[in-house]
Amino acid sequence: MSNACRQIELGRSGYLPESMVKWEGSPIPAPYMYYRTSSMVAYAELCAPEDLFDTFWSEVVSCAITAGATVGVSVIVADPEAARPQFEGVFRSGMAKIGERANEILVSLSARQQPNKEWHR
């Protein structure tokens, strides 16, 4: 069976306001301000055999969210690679209930800025 890679959102940190101008109207356009907010989003990046995810996905999600909360979303966002050992330790202890197959799950973390909503006036 082949490996599958999946991503779990662990949480959002920060509230960054954004704005942009769109020129609308004819024949003389007028400037209209549009607004949205964005946040830094922390993710658990996981790869494992597909059958393992199919069988234990709810446990994987639960353990990843617990590990993310334990380490802290803001810590993960600040430096995902530095946060990974602690995250992986908490994650693996939670996954112990599935036995040796837990060792087949590869774990990494990432963070990126994403909008919270679409642009609006």
C-alpha atoms as a PDB file:
ATOM      1  CA  MET A   1       0.000   0.000   0.000  1.00  0.00           C
ATOM      2  CA  SER A   2       1.220   3.493  -0.760  1.00  0.00           C
ATOM      3  CA  ASN A   3       1.824   6.350   1.616  1.00  0.00           C
ATOM      4  CA  ALA A   4      -0.532   9.283   1.967  1.00  0.00           C
ATOM      5  CA  CYS A   5       0.362  12.700   3.280  1.00  0.00           C
ATOM      6  CA  ARG A   6      -2.222  14.764   5.109  1.00  0.00           C
ATOM      7  CA  GLN A   7      -2.364  18.070   6.898  1.00  0.00           C
ATOM      8  CA  ILE A   8      -4.222  18.995  10.083  1.00  0.00           C
ATOM      9  CA  GLU A   9      -4.848  22.596  11.076  1.00  0.00           C
ATOM     10  CA  LEU A  10      -3.728  22.989  14.689  1.00  0.00           C
ATOM     11  CA  GLY A  11      -4.862  26.569  15.196  1.00  0.00           C
ATOM     12  CA  ARG A  12      -4.469  30.219  14.271  1.00  0.00           C
ATOM     13  CA  SER A  13      -2.370  32.893  15.877  1.00  0.00           C
ATOM     14  CA  GLY A  14      -2.595  36.636  15.467  1.00  0.00           C
ATOM     15  CA  TYR A  15      -5.010  38.910  13.729  1.00  0.00           C
ATOM     16  CA  LEU A  16      -3.497  40.871  10.853  1.00  0.00           C
ATOM     17  CA  PRO A  17      -5.728  43.481   9.210  1.00  0.00           C
ATOM     18  CA  GLU A  18      -5.351  43.952   5.461  1.00  0.00           C
ATOM     19  CA  SER A  19      -6.863  46.453   3.061  1.00  0.00           C
ATOM     20  CA  MET A  20      -6.858  47.108  -0.663  1.00  0.00           C
ATOM     21  CA  VAL A  21      -8.373  49.582  -3.078  1.00  0.00           C
ATOM     22  CA  LYS A  22     -10.460  48.577  -6.076  1.00  0.00           C
ATOM     23  CA  TRP A  23     -11.398  51.171  -8.633  1.00  0.00           C
ATOM     24  CA  GLU A  24     -14.998  50.580  -9.639  1.00  0.00           C
ATOM     25  CA  GLY A  25     -17.579  52.370 -11.730  1.00  0.00           C
ATOM     26  CA  SER A  26     -17.875  53.785 -15.182  1.00  0.00           C
ATOM     27  CA  PRO A  27     -17.235  56.087 -16.915  1.00  0.00           C
ATOM     28  CA  ILE A  28     -15.287  57.618 -13.991  1.00  0.00           C
ATOM     29  CA  PRO A  29     -14.082  54.993 -11.496  1.00  0.00           C
ATOM     30  CA  ALA A  30     -14.151  55.646  -7.771  1.00  0.00           C
ATOM     31  CA  PRO A  31     -11.899  54.019  -5.163  1.00  0.00           C
ATOM     32  CA  TYR A  32     -13.552  51.478  -2.870  1.00  0.00           C
ATOM     33  CA  MET A  33     -11.760  50.068   0.156  1.00  0.00           C
ATOM     34  CA  TYR A  34     -11.908  46.346   0.805  1.00  0.00           C
ATOM     35  CA  TYR A  35     -10.891  44.697   4.068  1.00  0.00           C
ATOM     36  CA  ARG A  36     -10.072  41.291   5.467  1.00  0.00           C
ATOM     37  CA  THR A  37      -7.977  39.789   8.228  1.00  0.00           C
ATOM     38  CA  SER A  38      -5.424  37.042   8.103  1.00  0.00           C
ATOM     39  CA  SER A  39      -3.693  34.913  10.706  1.00  0.00           C
ATOM     40  CA  MET A  40      -0.683  32.675  10.961  1.00  0.00           C
ATOM     41  CA  VAL A  41      -1.920  29.093  10.797  1.00  0.00           C
ATOM     42  CA  ALA A  42      -0.041  26.146  12.314  1.00  0.00           C
ATOM     43  CA  TYR A  43      -0.288  22.727  10.643  1.00  0.00           C
ATOM     44  CA  ALA A  44       0.739  19.203  11.482  1.00  0.00           C
ATOM     45  CA  GLU A  45       2.093  17.579   8.314  1.00  0.00           C
ATOM     46  CA  LEU A  46       1.777  13.785   8.492  1.00  0.00           C
ATOM     47  CA  CYS A  47       2.676  10.935   6.126  1.00  0.00           C
ATOM     48  CA  ALA A  48       1.840   7.280   6.710  1.00  0.00           C
ATOM     49  CA  PRO A  49       0.528   4.217   4.891  1.00  0.00           C
ATOM     50  CA  GLU A  50      -2.979   4.894   3.624  1.00  0.00           C
ATOM     51  CA  ASP A  51      -4.477   1.955   5.510  1.00  0.00           C
ATOM     52  CA  LEU A  52      -3.125   3.340   8.796  1.00  0.00           C
ATOM     53  CA  PHE A  53      -4.820   6.693   8.155  1.00  0.00           C
ATOM     54  CA  ASP A  54      -8.010   4.930   7.031  1.00  0.00           C
ATOM     55  CA  THR A  55      -8.139   2.864  10.226  1.00  0.00           C
ATOM     56  CA  PHE A  56      -6.875   5.357  12.816  1.00  0.00           C
ATOM     57  CA  TRP A  57      -7.586   8.815  11.357  1.00  0.00           C
ATOM     58  CA  SER A  58      -9.761  10.015  14.248  1.00  0.00           C
ATOM     59  CA  GLU A  59      -7.035   9.018  16.737  1.00  0.00           C
ATOM     60  CA  VAL A  60      -4.370  10.752  14.609  1.00  0.00           C
ATOM     61  CA  VAL A  61      -6.397  13.971  14.486  1.00  0.00           C
ATOM     62  CA  SER A  62      -7.132  13.881  18.206  1.00  0.00           C
ATOM     63  CA  CYS A  63      -3.490  13.298  19.147  1.00  0.00           C
ATOM     64  CA  ALA A  64      -2.251  16.000  16.746  1.00  0.00           C
ATOM     65  CA  ILE A  65      -4.666  18.582  18.137  1.00  0.00           C
ATOM     66  CA  THR A  66      -3.697  17.645  21.703  1.00  0.00           C
ATOM     67  CA  ALA A  67       0.002  17.919  20.846  1.00  0.00           C
ATOM     68  CA  GLY A  68      -0.577  21.278  19.139  1.00  0.00           C
ATOM     69  CA  ALA A  69      -2.398  22.629  22.179  1.00  0.00           C
ATOM     70  CA  THR A  70       0.291  21.293  24.519  1.00  0.00           C
ATOM     71  CA  VAL A  71       3.159  22.865  22.576  1.00  0.00           C
ATOM     72  CA  GLY A  72       1.174  26.012  21.775  1.00  0.00           C
ATOM     73  CA  VAL A  73       0.122  27.364  18.402  1.00  0.00           C
ATOM     74  CA  SER A  74       2.169  30.543  18.849  1.00  0.00           C
ATOM     75  CA  VAL A  75       5.299  28.451  19.557  1.00  0.00           C
ATOM     76  CA  ILE A  76       4.705  26.373  16.417  1.00  0.00           C
ATOM     77  CA  VAL A  77       4.077  29.489  14.314  1.00  0.00           C
ATOM     78  CA  ALA A  78       7.266  31.145  15.613  1.00  0.00           C
ATOM     79  CA  ASP A  79       9.522  28.202  14.682  1.00  0.00           C
ATOM     80  CA  PRO A  80       7.870  25.005  13.416  1.00  0.00           C
ATOM     81  CA  GLU A  81      11.124  23.058  13.178  1.00  0.00           C
ATOM     82  CA  ALA A  82      12.177  23.901  16.734  1.00  0.00           C
ATOM     83  CA  ALA A  83       8.701  22.975  18.034  1.00  0.00           C
ATOM     84  CA  ARG A  84       8.653  19.623  16.224  1.00  0.00           C
ATOM     85  CA  PRO A  85      10.524  17.471  18.806  1.00  0.00           C
ATOM     86  CA  GLN A  86       8.183  18.453  21.635  1.00  0.00           C
ATOM     87  CA  PHE A  87       5.123  18.111  19.378  1.00  0.00           C
ATOM     88  CA  GLU A  88       6.266  14.701  18.186  1.00  0.00           C
ATOM     89  CA  GLY A  89       6.871  13.512  21.759  1.00  0.00           C
ATOM     90  CA  VAL A  90       3.340  14.418  22.859  1.00  0.00           C
ATOM     91  CA  PHE A  91       1.864  13.085  19.603  1.00  0.00           C
ATOM     92  CA  ARG A  92       3.677   9.742  19.868  1.00  0.00           C
ATOM     93  CA  SER A  93       2.702   9.227  23.499  1.00  0.00           C
ATOM     94  CA  GLY A  94      -0.937   9.733  22.523  1.00  0.00           C
ATOM     95  CA  MET A  95      -0.602   7.383  19.568  1.00  0.00           C
ATOM     96  CA  ALA A  96       0.902   4.612  21.748  1.00  0.00           C
ATOM     97  CA  LYS A  97      -2.575   3.110  22.013  1.00  0.00           C
ATOM     98  CA  ILE A  98      -2.350   1.889  18.399  1.00  0.00           C
ATOM     99  CA  GLY A  99       0.901   0.043  19.065  1.00  0.00           C
ATOM    100  CA  GLU A 100       3.966  -0.273  16.838  1.00  0.00           C
ATOM    101  CA  ARG A 101       2.090   1.101  13.820  1.00  0.00           C
ATOM    102  CA  ALA A 102       2.373   4.563  15.387  1.00  0.00           C
ATOM    103  CA  ASN A 103       6.057   4.509  14.391  1.00  0.00           C
ATOM    104  CA  GLU A 104       5.019   4.429  10.714  1.00  0.00           C
ATOM    105  CA  ILE A 105       3.680   7.995  10.948  1.00  0.00           C
ATOM    106  CA  LEU A 106       6.139  10.653   9.813  1.00  0.00           C
ATOM    107  CA  VAL A 107       5.594  14.001  11.528  1.00  0.00           C
ATOM    108  CA  SER A 108       6.496  17.566  10.640  1.00  0.00           C
ATOM    109  CA  LEU A 109       5.066  21.031  11.319  1.00  0.00           C
ATOM    110  CA  SER A 110       4.499  24.095   9.169  1.00  0.00           C
ATOM    111  CA  ALA A 111       3.024  27.565   9.443  1.00  0.00           C
ATOM    112  CA  ARG A 112       1.797  30.085   6.910  1.00  0.00           C
ATOM    113  CA  GLN A 113      -0.269  33.220   6.730  1.00  0.00           C
ATOM    114  CA  GLN A 114      -3.819  32.693   5.487  1.00  0.00           C
ATOM    115  CA  PRO A 115      -6.885  34.905   5.221  1.00  0.00           C
ATOM    116  CA  ASN A 116      -9.647  34.388   7.772  1.00  0.00           C
ATOM    117  CA  LYS A 117     -12.362  35.547   5.349  1.00  0.00           C
ATOM    118  CA  GLU A 118     -12.644  36.842   1.802  1.00  0.00           C
ATOM    119  CA  TRP A 119     -12.347  40.531   0.923  1.00  0.00           C
ATOM    120  CA  HIS A 120     -15.370  42.679   1.833  1.00  0.00           C
ATOM    121  CA  ARG A 121     -16.250  46.360   1.891  1.00  0.00           C
END
